[in-house]
N, C-alpha and C. Protein backbone atom coordinates (compact mmCIF):
# COMPACT_ATOMS: atom_id res chain seq x y z
N LEU A 1 25.09 -58.02 -9.40
CA LEU A 1 24.01 -57.91 -10.37
C LEU A 1 22.71 -57.47 -9.70
N ILE A 2 22.44 -58.06 -8.55
CA ILE A 2 21.22 -57.70 -7.81
C ILE A 2 21.33 -56.26 -7.31
N ALA A 3 22.50 -55.87 -6.82
CA ALA A 3 22.71 -54.51 -6.33
C ALA A 3 22.56 -53.51 -7.47
N ASN A 4 23.11 -53.83 -8.64
CA ASN A 4 22.98 -52.95 -9.79
C ASN A 4 21.54 -52.86 -10.25
N SER A 5 20.79 -53.96 -10.18
CA SER A 5 19.39 -53.98 -10.58
C SER A 5 18.56 -53.06 -9.69
N SER A 6 18.77 -53.13 -8.39
CA SER A 6 18.01 -52.26 -7.47
C SER A 6 18.44 -50.79 -7.65
N LYS A 7 19.72 -50.57 -7.92
CA LYS A 7 20.21 -49.21 -8.16
C LYS A 7 19.60 -48.66 -9.45
N LEU A 8 19.47 -49.49 -10.47
CA LEU A 8 18.87 -49.09 -11.74
C LEU A 8 17.39 -48.74 -11.54
N LYS A 9 16.68 -49.53 -10.74
CA LYS A 9 15.26 -49.24 -10.47
C LYS A 9 15.13 -47.91 -9.71
N GLU A 10 16.04 -47.69 -8.79
CA GLU A 10 16.03 -46.44 -8.02
C GLU A 10 16.28 -45.24 -8.94
N LEU A 11 17.24 -45.38 -9.85
CA LEU A 11 17.54 -44.31 -10.80
C LEU A 11 16.36 -44.06 -11.74
N GLU A 12 15.70 -45.14 -12.19
CA GLU A 12 14.53 -44.99 -13.05
C GLU A 12 13.41 -44.27 -12.32
N HIS A 13 13.23 -44.61 -11.04
CA HIS A 13 12.20 -43.95 -10.22
C HIS A 13 12.52 -42.46 -10.06
N LEU A 14 13.77 -42.11 -9.77
CA LEU A 14 14.18 -40.71 -9.66
C LEU A 14 13.99 -39.96 -10.98
N HIS A 15 14.34 -40.63 -12.08
CA HIS A 15 14.17 -40.03 -13.39
C HIS A 15 12.69 -39.73 -13.66
N THR A 16 11.82 -40.66 -13.30
CA THR A 16 10.38 -40.47 -13.49
C THR A 16 9.88 -39.31 -12.65
N GLU A 17 10.34 -39.21 -11.40
CA GLU A 17 9.93 -38.12 -10.52
C GLU A 17 10.40 -36.78 -11.07
N LYS A 18 11.65 -36.71 -11.52
CA LYS A 18 12.19 -35.47 -12.06
C LYS A 18 11.48 -35.07 -13.35
N LYS A 19 11.16 -36.05 -14.18
CA LYS A 19 10.44 -35.76 -15.42
C LYS A 19 9.05 -35.22 -15.10
N GLY A 20 8.41 -35.81 -14.10
CA GLY A 20 7.10 -35.31 -13.67
C GLY A 20 7.19 -33.89 -13.15
N ALA A 21 8.23 -33.59 -12.38
CA ALA A 21 8.41 -32.24 -11.85
C ALA A 21 8.68 -31.24 -12.98
N VAL A 22 9.48 -31.64 -13.94
CA VAL A 22 9.77 -30.77 -15.09
C VAL A 22 8.50 -30.53 -15.90
N ASP A 23 7.72 -31.57 -16.13
CA ASP A 23 6.45 -31.42 -16.86
C ASP A 23 5.50 -30.48 -16.12
N LEU A 24 5.42 -30.63 -14.80
CA LEU A 24 4.56 -29.76 -14.00
C LEU A 24 5.03 -28.31 -14.10
N LEU A 25 6.33 -28.07 -13.99
CA LEU A 25 6.86 -26.72 -14.12
C LEU A 25 6.61 -26.15 -15.51
N GLN A 26 6.71 -26.98 -16.53
CA GLN A 26 6.45 -26.53 -17.90
C GLN A 26 4.98 -26.13 -18.06
N GLU A 27 4.07 -26.90 -17.48
CA GLU A 27 2.64 -26.57 -17.55
C GLU A 27 2.37 -25.25 -16.84
N ARG A 28 2.99 -25.04 -15.69
CA ARG A 28 2.80 -23.80 -14.95
C ARG A 28 3.36 -22.61 -15.70
N LEU A 29 4.51 -22.77 -16.32
CA LEU A 29 5.10 -21.70 -17.12
C LEU A 29 4.22 -21.38 -18.31
N THR A 30 3.67 -22.39 -18.95
CA THR A 30 2.76 -22.18 -20.08
C THR A 30 1.54 -21.40 -19.63
N ALA A 31 1.01 -21.73 -18.45
CA ALA A 31 -0.15 -21.01 -17.91
C ALA A 31 0.21 -19.54 -17.63
N LEU A 32 1.38 -19.29 -17.06
CA LEU A 32 1.81 -17.92 -16.80
C LEU A 32 1.95 -17.13 -18.09
N GLU A 33 2.52 -17.76 -19.10
CA GLU A 33 2.71 -17.08 -20.38
C GLU A 33 1.38 -16.80 -21.08
N ALA A 34 0.38 -17.67 -20.88
CA ALA A 34 -0.92 -17.50 -21.54
C ALA A 34 -1.82 -16.52 -20.81
N ALA A 35 -1.47 -16.14 -19.59
CA ALA A 35 -2.32 -15.24 -18.80
C ALA A 35 -2.46 -13.90 -19.50
N THR A 36 -3.66 -13.32 -19.41
CA THR A 36 -3.88 -12.00 -20.01
C THR A 36 -3.43 -10.88 -19.08
N ASP A 37 -3.28 -11.19 -17.79
CA ASP A 37 -2.75 -10.21 -16.84
C ASP A 37 -1.23 -10.29 -16.86
N GLY A 38 -0.58 -9.14 -16.73
CA GLY A 38 0.87 -9.11 -16.69
C GLY A 38 1.39 -9.63 -15.36
N ILE A 39 2.43 -10.42 -15.41
CA ILE A 39 3.04 -10.99 -14.22
C ILE A 39 4.54 -10.76 -14.30
N PHE A 40 5.12 -10.29 -13.19
CA PHE A 40 6.57 -10.11 -13.17
C PHE A 40 7.09 -10.43 -11.78
N ILE A 41 8.37 -10.84 -11.73
CA ILE A 41 9.01 -11.20 -10.46
C ILE A 41 10.34 -10.45 -10.37
N VAL A 42 10.56 -9.84 -9.21
CA VAL A 42 11.81 -9.13 -8.92
C VAL A 42 12.44 -9.81 -7.71
N ASN A 43 13.71 -10.19 -7.83
CA ASN A 43 14.36 -10.91 -6.72
C ASN A 43 14.87 -9.94 -5.65
N ALA A 44 15.50 -10.48 -4.62
CA ALA A 44 15.99 -9.68 -3.49
C ALA A 44 17.07 -8.69 -3.91
N LYS A 45 17.76 -8.96 -5.01
CA LYS A 45 18.80 -8.06 -5.51
C LYS A 45 18.23 -7.00 -6.45
N GLU A 46 16.88 -6.90 -6.47
CA GLU A 46 16.14 -5.93 -7.28
C GLU A 46 16.33 -6.14 -8.78
N LYS A 47 16.57 -7.37 -9.18
CA LYS A 47 16.71 -7.72 -10.60
C LYS A 47 15.42 -8.40 -11.06
N LEU A 48 15.04 -8.10 -12.28
CA LEU A 48 13.87 -8.72 -12.88
C LEU A 48 14.22 -10.15 -13.28
N THR A 49 13.55 -11.12 -12.68
CA THR A 49 13.85 -12.51 -12.99
C THR A 49 12.83 -13.14 -13.93
N TYR A 50 11.63 -12.52 -14.02
CA TYR A 50 10.62 -13.07 -14.91
C TYR A 50 9.60 -12.00 -15.25
N MET A 51 9.11 -12.04 -16.48
CA MET A 51 7.93 -11.28 -16.90
C MET A 51 7.26 -12.05 -18.02
N ASN A 52 5.94 -12.09 -17.99
CA ASN A 52 5.24 -12.80 -19.06
C ASN A 52 4.99 -11.84 -20.23
N ASN A 53 4.44 -12.39 -21.31
CA ASN A 53 4.20 -11.61 -22.52
C ASN A 53 3.25 -10.45 -22.27
N ALA A 54 2.22 -10.69 -21.45
CA ALA A 54 1.22 -9.64 -21.20
C ALA A 54 1.86 -8.44 -20.50
N PHE A 55 2.75 -8.69 -19.54
CA PHE A 55 3.41 -7.58 -18.85
C PHE A 55 4.33 -6.83 -19.81
N PHE A 56 5.05 -7.56 -20.64
CA PHE A 56 5.94 -6.90 -21.60
C PHE A 56 5.13 -6.03 -22.57
N ALA A 57 3.96 -6.52 -23.00
CA ALA A 57 3.11 -5.73 -23.90
C ALA A 57 2.65 -4.44 -23.23
N ILE A 58 2.31 -4.51 -21.95
CA ILE A 58 1.85 -3.32 -21.23
C ILE A 58 3.01 -2.34 -21.03
N ILE A 59 4.14 -2.84 -20.58
CA ILE A 59 5.26 -1.97 -20.22
C ILE A 59 5.93 -1.37 -21.46
N SER A 60 5.94 -2.12 -22.56
CA SER A 60 6.63 -1.63 -23.76
C SER A 60 5.70 -0.85 -24.67
N GLY A 61 4.40 -1.09 -24.55
CA GLY A 61 3.46 -0.45 -25.47
C GLY A 61 3.41 -1.13 -26.81
N GLU A 62 4.06 -2.28 -26.93
CA GLU A 62 4.08 -3.05 -28.18
C GLU A 62 3.11 -4.20 -28.08
N SER A 63 2.20 -4.29 -29.04
CA SER A 63 1.31 -5.44 -29.04
C SER A 63 1.95 -6.59 -29.81
N ASN A 64 2.61 -6.28 -30.88
CA ASN A 64 3.30 -7.32 -31.67
C ASN A 64 4.49 -6.72 -32.38
N SER A 65 5.56 -7.44 -32.39
CA SER A 65 6.73 -7.08 -33.19
C SER A 65 7.53 -8.35 -33.43
N ARG A 66 8.36 -8.31 -34.46
CA ARG A 66 9.12 -9.51 -34.82
C ARG A 66 10.11 -9.91 -33.73
N ASP A 67 10.77 -8.95 -33.15
CA ASP A 67 11.81 -9.27 -32.17
C ASP A 67 11.33 -9.06 -30.73
N ARG A 68 10.01 -9.18 -30.52
CA ARG A 68 9.42 -8.96 -29.20
C ARG A 68 9.99 -9.90 -28.15
N GLU A 69 10.06 -11.19 -28.47
CA GLU A 69 10.55 -12.17 -27.51
C GLU A 69 12.00 -11.89 -27.14
N LYS A 70 12.80 -11.50 -28.12
CA LYS A 70 14.20 -11.18 -27.86
C LYS A 70 14.31 -9.97 -26.93
N LYS A 71 13.52 -8.92 -27.19
CA LYS A 71 13.53 -7.72 -26.35
C LYS A 71 13.10 -8.06 -24.93
N ARG A 72 12.09 -8.91 -24.81
CA ARG A 72 11.58 -9.30 -23.49
C ARG A 72 12.66 -10.03 -22.70
N LYS A 73 13.32 -10.98 -23.33
CA LYS A 73 14.34 -11.77 -22.63
C LYS A 73 15.58 -10.94 -22.30
N GLU A 74 15.83 -9.88 -23.06
CA GLU A 74 16.96 -9.00 -22.77
C GLU A 74 16.78 -8.27 -21.43
N LEU A 75 15.52 -8.12 -21.00
CA LEU A 75 15.24 -7.42 -19.75
C LEU A 75 15.44 -8.30 -18.52
N PHE A 76 15.47 -9.62 -18.70
CA PHE A 76 15.68 -10.52 -17.57
C PHE A 76 17.07 -10.27 -16.99
N GLY A 77 17.13 -10.16 -15.67
CA GLY A 77 18.40 -9.94 -15.00
C GLY A 77 18.77 -8.47 -14.85
N LYS A 78 17.98 -7.57 -15.46
CA LYS A 78 18.24 -6.14 -15.34
C LYS A 78 17.52 -5.60 -14.11
N PRO A 79 17.98 -4.47 -13.57
CA PRO A 79 17.26 -3.87 -12.44
C PRO A 79 15.84 -3.49 -12.85
N TRP A 80 14.90 -3.65 -11.92
CA TRP A 80 13.51 -3.36 -12.25
C TRP A 80 13.33 -1.91 -12.68
N ARG A 81 14.20 -1.01 -12.23
CA ARG A 81 14.10 0.40 -12.60
C ARG A 81 14.31 0.61 -14.10
N ASP A 82 15.06 -0.31 -14.74
CA ASP A 82 15.28 -0.22 -16.18
C ASP A 82 14.03 -0.60 -16.97
N VAL A 83 13.12 -1.32 -16.34
CA VAL A 83 11.91 -1.78 -17.01
C VAL A 83 10.83 -0.70 -16.96
N PHE A 84 10.69 -0.07 -15.79
CA PHE A 84 9.69 0.97 -15.61
C PHE A 84 10.28 2.32 -16.03
N SER A 85 9.39 3.26 -16.40
CA SER A 85 9.86 4.61 -16.72
C SER A 85 10.37 5.27 -15.45
N ALA A 86 11.13 6.35 -15.60
CA ALA A 86 11.71 7.03 -14.44
C ALA A 86 10.62 7.55 -13.50
N SER A 87 9.55 8.10 -14.07
CA SER A 87 8.46 8.62 -13.22
C SER A 87 7.75 7.48 -12.48
N ASP A 88 7.55 6.34 -13.16
CA ASP A 88 6.92 5.18 -12.51
C ASP A 88 7.80 4.65 -11.39
N ALA A 89 9.11 4.56 -11.63
CA ALA A 89 10.03 4.06 -10.62
C ALA A 89 10.02 4.97 -9.40
N GLU A 90 9.94 6.27 -9.63
CA GLU A 90 9.91 7.23 -8.52
C GLU A 90 8.65 7.03 -7.67
N VAL A 91 7.50 6.89 -8.33
CA VAL A 91 6.24 6.67 -7.61
C VAL A 91 6.29 5.35 -6.84
N LEU A 92 6.81 4.32 -7.48
CA LEU A 92 6.92 3.02 -6.81
C LEU A 92 7.78 3.12 -5.55
N GLU A 93 8.94 3.75 -5.66
CA GLU A 93 9.86 3.83 -4.52
C GLU A 93 9.34 4.72 -3.40
N GLU A 94 8.73 5.85 -3.75
CA GLU A 94 8.32 6.81 -2.73
C GLU A 94 6.96 6.51 -2.12
N ASP A 95 6.03 6.06 -2.92
CA ASP A 95 4.65 5.91 -2.45
C ASP A 95 4.24 4.47 -2.17
N ILE A 96 4.68 3.55 -3.00
CA ILE A 96 4.16 2.18 -2.93
C ILE A 96 5.03 1.25 -2.10
N PHE A 97 6.34 1.29 -2.28
CA PHE A 97 7.22 0.36 -1.56
C PHE A 97 7.17 0.49 -0.04
N PRO A 98 7.05 1.72 0.51
CA PRO A 98 6.93 1.78 1.98
C PRO A 98 5.73 0.98 2.50
N GLU A 99 4.59 1.10 1.83
CA GLU A 99 3.40 0.33 2.23
C GLU A 99 3.62 -1.16 1.99
N LEU A 100 4.27 -1.50 0.88
CA LEU A 100 4.55 -2.91 0.57
C LEU A 100 5.44 -3.52 1.66
N LYS A 101 6.45 -2.80 2.10
CA LYS A 101 7.34 -3.31 3.14
C LYS A 101 6.63 -3.42 4.48
N GLU A 102 5.72 -2.47 4.74
CA GLU A 102 5.00 -2.47 6.01
C GLU A 102 3.96 -3.58 6.07
N LYS A 103 3.16 -3.72 5.02
CA LYS A 103 2.03 -4.66 5.03
C LYS A 103 2.33 -5.97 4.31
N GLY A 104 3.33 -5.97 3.44
CA GLY A 104 3.65 -7.18 2.68
C GLY A 104 2.88 -7.27 1.38
N VAL A 105 1.88 -6.40 1.20
CA VAL A 105 1.03 -6.41 0.00
C VAL A 105 0.65 -4.97 -0.33
N TRP A 106 0.58 -4.66 -1.62
CA TRP A 106 0.05 -3.38 -2.07
C TRP A 106 -0.86 -3.66 -3.26
N VAL A 107 -2.05 -3.06 -3.25
CA VAL A 107 -3.00 -3.21 -4.36
C VAL A 107 -3.59 -1.84 -4.65
N GLY A 108 -3.66 -1.49 -5.92
CA GLY A 108 -4.26 -0.22 -6.28
C GLY A 108 -4.14 0.08 -7.76
N ALA A 109 -4.74 1.19 -8.16
CA ALA A 109 -4.66 1.65 -9.54
C ALA A 109 -3.29 2.31 -9.75
N PHE A 110 -2.71 2.06 -10.90
CA PHE A 110 -1.38 2.59 -11.19
C PHE A 110 -1.29 2.90 -12.67
N GLN A 111 -0.87 4.11 -12.98
CA GLN A 111 -0.71 4.51 -14.38
C GLN A 111 0.72 4.21 -14.81
N ILE A 112 0.86 3.31 -15.78
CA ILE A 112 2.18 2.93 -16.29
C ILE A 112 2.46 3.73 -17.56
N PHE A 113 3.60 4.41 -17.56
CA PHE A 113 4.05 5.11 -18.76
C PHE A 113 4.95 4.15 -19.53
N THR A 114 4.55 3.87 -20.77
CA THR A 114 5.24 2.86 -21.56
C THR A 114 6.50 3.43 -22.20
N GLN A 115 7.27 2.53 -22.80
CA GLN A 115 8.49 2.93 -23.49
C GLN A 115 8.18 3.65 -24.80
N LYS A 116 6.92 3.64 -25.21
CA LYS A 116 6.50 4.33 -26.45
C LYS A 116 5.88 5.69 -26.14
N ASP A 117 6.12 6.22 -24.92
CA ASP A 117 5.59 7.51 -24.48
C ASP A 117 4.07 7.58 -24.48
N THR A 118 3.44 6.48 -24.17
CA THR A 118 2.00 6.45 -23.94
C THR A 118 1.79 6.00 -22.50
N SER A 119 0.56 6.02 -22.05
CA SER A 119 0.30 5.54 -20.70
C SER A 119 -0.88 4.58 -20.70
N THR A 120 -0.87 3.71 -19.72
CA THR A 120 -1.91 2.71 -19.57
C THR A 120 -2.31 2.66 -18.11
N TRP A 121 -3.60 2.75 -17.84
CA TRP A 121 -4.08 2.60 -16.47
C TRP A 121 -4.21 1.12 -16.16
N THR A 122 -3.70 0.75 -14.98
CA THR A 122 -3.72 -0.66 -14.59
C THR A 122 -4.18 -0.81 -13.15
N ASP A 123 -4.66 -1.99 -12.84
CA ASP A 123 -4.83 -2.43 -11.46
C ASP A 123 -3.58 -3.23 -11.16
N MET A 124 -2.79 -2.77 -10.19
CA MET A 124 -1.53 -3.44 -9.88
C MET A 124 -1.61 -4.05 -8.48
N SER A 125 -1.01 -5.21 -8.37
CA SER A 125 -0.92 -5.89 -7.09
C SER A 125 0.53 -6.32 -6.90
N LEU A 126 1.12 -5.93 -5.77
CA LEU A 126 2.50 -6.32 -5.45
C LEU A 126 2.47 -7.11 -4.14
N THR A 127 3.20 -8.21 -4.12
CA THR A 127 3.31 -9.05 -2.92
C THR A 127 4.77 -9.28 -2.63
N GLN A 128 5.17 -9.00 -1.40
CA GLN A 128 6.56 -9.18 -1.00
C GLN A 128 6.84 -10.69 -0.85
N LEU A 129 7.98 -11.11 -1.36
CA LEU A 129 8.38 -12.51 -1.26
C LEU A 129 9.17 -12.73 0.03
N PRO A 130 9.09 -13.93 0.62
CA PRO A 130 9.76 -14.19 1.91
C PRO A 130 11.27 -13.98 1.87
N GLU A 131 11.92 -14.34 0.76
CA GLU A 131 13.38 -14.21 0.69
C GLU A 131 13.81 -12.82 0.20
N GLY A 132 12.85 -11.92 0.04
CA GLY A 132 13.12 -10.58 -0.47
C GLY A 132 12.62 -10.47 -1.89
N GLY A 133 12.53 -9.29 -2.38
CA GLY A 133 11.97 -9.09 -3.71
C GLY A 133 10.46 -9.09 -3.64
N PHE A 134 9.84 -9.11 -4.81
CA PHE A 134 8.38 -9.10 -4.85
C PHE A 134 7.89 -9.66 -6.17
N ILE A 135 6.62 -10.04 -6.16
CA ILE A 135 5.94 -10.49 -7.37
C ILE A 135 4.81 -9.51 -7.64
N GLY A 136 4.63 -9.17 -8.89
CA GLY A 136 3.60 -8.21 -9.25
C GLY A 136 2.70 -8.73 -10.34
N THR A 137 1.43 -8.34 -10.25
CA THR A 137 0.48 -8.61 -11.32
C THR A 137 -0.11 -7.28 -11.76
N VAL A 138 -0.36 -7.18 -13.04
CA VAL A 138 -0.86 -5.95 -13.63
C VAL A 138 -1.98 -6.28 -14.58
N GLN A 139 -3.12 -5.60 -14.41
CA GLN A 139 -4.25 -5.81 -15.31
C GLN A 139 -4.58 -4.48 -15.97
N ASP A 140 -4.63 -4.46 -17.29
CA ASP A 140 -4.93 -3.25 -18.05
C ASP A 140 -6.40 -2.89 -17.82
N ILE A 141 -6.64 -1.69 -17.29
CA ILE A 141 -8.02 -1.24 -17.06
C ILE A 141 -8.32 0.04 -17.84
N SER A 142 -7.57 0.29 -18.89
CA SER A 142 -7.78 1.49 -19.70
C SER A 142 -9.20 1.54 -20.24
N TYR A 143 -9.69 0.40 -20.71
CA TYR A 143 -11.04 0.34 -21.25
C TYR A 143 -12.07 0.68 -20.17
N ARG A 144 -11.84 0.23 -18.93
CA ARG A 144 -12.78 0.50 -17.84
C ARG A 144 -12.77 1.99 -17.49
N ARG A 145 -11.58 2.58 -17.45
CA ARG A 145 -11.50 4.01 -17.15
C ARG A 145 -12.15 4.83 -18.26
N GLN A 146 -11.98 4.39 -19.51
CA GLN A 146 -12.61 5.08 -20.64
C GLN A 146 -14.13 4.96 -20.53
N ALA A 147 -14.62 3.78 -20.17
CA ALA A 147 -16.06 3.58 -20.00
C ALA A 147 -16.60 4.44 -18.86
N GLU A 148 -15.85 4.55 -17.76
CA GLU A 148 -16.27 5.39 -16.64
C GLU A 148 -16.32 6.86 -17.06
N LYS A 149 -15.33 7.28 -17.85
CA LYS A 149 -15.29 8.66 -18.34
C LYS A 149 -16.49 8.95 -19.24
N GLU A 150 -16.79 8.01 -20.15
CA GLU A 150 -17.93 8.18 -21.04
C GLU A 150 -19.23 8.18 -20.25
N LYS A 151 -19.32 7.33 -19.23
CA LYS A 151 -20.52 7.28 -18.39
C LYS A 151 -20.72 8.61 -17.68
N LYS A 152 -19.63 9.18 -17.16
CA LYS A 152 -19.71 10.47 -16.48
C LYS A 152 -20.16 11.56 -17.44
N GLN A 153 -19.64 11.54 -18.67
CA GLN A 153 -20.04 12.53 -19.67
C GLN A 153 -21.52 12.38 -20.00
N LEU A 154 -21.99 11.14 -20.14
CA LEU A 154 -23.41 10.91 -20.42
C LEU A 154 -24.29 11.37 -19.26
N GLU A 155 -23.83 11.13 -18.03
CA GLU A 155 -24.59 11.59 -16.86
C GLU A 155 -24.67 13.11 -16.85
N GLU A 156 -23.55 13.77 -17.15
CA GLU A 156 -23.55 15.23 -17.21
C GLU A 156 -24.50 15.74 -18.29
N GLN A 157 -24.51 15.08 -19.45
CA GLN A 157 -25.42 15.47 -20.52
C GLN A 157 -26.87 15.25 -20.10
N PHE A 158 -27.13 14.15 -19.39
CA PHE A 158 -28.48 13.86 -18.92
C PHE A 158 -28.94 14.92 -17.93
N TYR A 159 -28.04 15.29 -16.97
CA TYR A 159 -28.40 16.32 -15.99
C TYR A 159 -28.64 17.66 -16.68
N GLN A 160 -27.85 17.97 -17.69
CA GLN A 160 -28.03 19.21 -18.45
C GLN A 160 -29.38 19.18 -19.16
N ALA A 161 -29.73 18.03 -19.74
CA ALA A 161 -31.02 17.90 -20.42
C ALA A 161 -32.16 18.06 -19.41
N GLN A 162 -32.00 17.50 -18.22
CA GLN A 162 -33.03 17.65 -17.18
C GLN A 162 -33.18 19.12 -16.78
N LYS A 163 -32.06 19.82 -16.66
CA LYS A 163 -32.11 21.24 -16.31
C LYS A 163 -32.86 22.02 -17.39
N MET A 164 -32.52 21.73 -18.65
CA MET A 164 -33.17 22.44 -19.76
C MET A 164 -34.66 22.13 -19.80
N GLU A 165 -35.02 20.88 -19.52
CA GLU A 165 -36.44 20.51 -19.49
C GLU A 165 -37.16 21.25 -18.37
N ALA A 166 -36.52 21.35 -17.19
CA ALA A 166 -37.12 22.07 -16.07
C ALA A 166 -37.29 23.55 -16.40
N ILE A 167 -36.27 24.13 -17.04
CA ILE A 167 -36.36 25.54 -17.44
C ILE A 167 -37.47 25.71 -18.47
N GLY A 168 -37.57 24.78 -19.39
CA GLY A 168 -38.63 24.83 -20.41
C GLY A 168 -40.01 24.76 -19.78
N ARG A 169 -40.17 23.87 -18.80
CA ARG A 169 -41.47 23.77 -18.12
C ARG A 169 -41.78 25.05 -17.35
N LEU A 170 -40.77 25.59 -16.69
CA LEU A 170 -40.96 26.84 -15.96
C LEU A 170 -41.35 27.96 -16.90
N ALA A 171 -40.63 28.07 -18.02
CA ALA A 171 -40.94 29.11 -19.00
C ALA A 171 -42.33 28.90 -19.58
N GLY A 172 -42.70 27.63 -19.84
CA GLY A 172 -44.03 27.34 -20.36
C GLY A 172 -45.11 27.71 -19.36
N GLY A 173 -44.85 27.42 -18.07
CA GLY A 173 -45.82 27.77 -17.03
C GLY A 173 -45.97 29.27 -16.89
N ILE A 174 -44.85 30.00 -16.92
CA ILE A 174 -44.90 31.46 -16.82
C ILE A 174 -45.62 32.03 -18.03
N ALA A 175 -45.32 31.50 -19.21
CA ALA A 175 -45.98 31.97 -20.43
C ALA A 175 -47.48 31.72 -20.36
N HIS A 176 -47.88 30.56 -19.84
CA HIS A 176 -49.30 30.22 -19.72
C HIS A 176 -49.98 31.18 -18.75
N ASP A 177 -49.36 31.44 -17.59
CA ASP A 177 -49.93 32.37 -16.61
C ASP A 177 -49.99 33.78 -17.18
N PHE A 178 -48.93 34.20 -17.88
CA PHE A 178 -48.89 35.52 -18.48
C PHE A 178 -49.97 35.63 -19.56
N ASN A 179 -50.15 34.54 -20.31
CA ASN A 179 -51.18 34.51 -21.36
C ASN A 179 -52.56 34.65 -20.73
N ASN A 180 -52.78 34.01 -19.56
CA ASN A 180 -54.08 34.14 -18.87
C ASN A 180 -54.31 35.59 -18.45
N ILE A 181 -53.30 36.25 -17.94
CA ILE A 181 -53.43 37.65 -17.54
C ILE A 181 -53.71 38.51 -18.76
N LEU A 182 -52.97 38.26 -19.85
CA LEU A 182 -53.18 39.03 -21.08
C LEU A 182 -54.57 38.80 -21.66
N ALA A 183 -55.07 37.56 -21.55
CA ALA A 183 -56.42 37.26 -22.05
C ALA A 183 -57.44 38.07 -21.27
N ALA A 184 -57.26 38.16 -19.94
CA ALA A 184 -58.18 38.95 -19.13
C ALA A 184 -58.09 40.42 -19.51
N MET A 185 -56.85 40.91 -19.67
CA MET A 185 -56.66 42.31 -20.05
C MET A 185 -57.26 42.57 -21.44
N ASN A 186 -57.07 41.64 -22.34
CA ASN A 186 -57.60 41.77 -23.70
C ASN A 186 -59.13 41.80 -23.65
N GLY A 187 -59.72 40.96 -22.80
CA GLY A 187 -61.19 40.93 -22.67
C GLY A 187 -61.71 42.25 -22.15
N TYR A 188 -61.04 42.82 -21.10
CA TYR A 188 -61.47 44.12 -20.56
C TYR A 188 -61.24 45.23 -21.58
N ALA A 189 -60.19 45.12 -22.35
CA ALA A 189 -59.92 46.13 -23.37
C ALA A 189 -61.01 46.12 -24.43
N GLU A 190 -61.52 44.95 -24.78
CA GLU A 190 -62.59 44.86 -25.76
C GLU A 190 -63.88 45.45 -25.21
N PHE A 191 -64.13 45.25 -23.89
CA PHE A 191 -65.31 45.84 -23.28
C PHE A 191 -65.25 47.36 -23.33
N LEU A 192 -64.03 47.86 -23.06
CA LEU A 192 -63.88 49.34 -23.07
C LEU A 192 -64.05 49.85 -24.49
């Protein structure tokens, strides 16, 4: 009876520890799912083991659909090449993965072509995992690139306006000087 009592307390303690670990993992998963940045994990066998909703929205080009969660979960366990477009996969393999393997980390701007034949500019970060594979984060920066483009257009318009103002001042100065010469000529003409 005493042996069973201590064994029961030990089992209750283990159960409490495991429940705490499960709760902690659930909180972390909830945080990953709520993140506005896309997060994905590819294992050593090059299979997609996880992607959050934000990454699925970026990669698919879908903001909302009824069967979105089903489509997202269908991609788990598939090769990462099936998730990215063919052109994106080619760029990743040829340009990014060599640096990732060499340094263990790659960070930079990356244009993702979605499954809806649109594209999204992102800041992408890839980190190689110790057992192989990698974890990636993706932040949509389309709005920032659009703002930079508009800023550049406004700067060009401002420079054009400055050029026109300078030309206007030059023309006004020349006209004023020419008018002074004409006034003198007109005065001499009246004398004659």
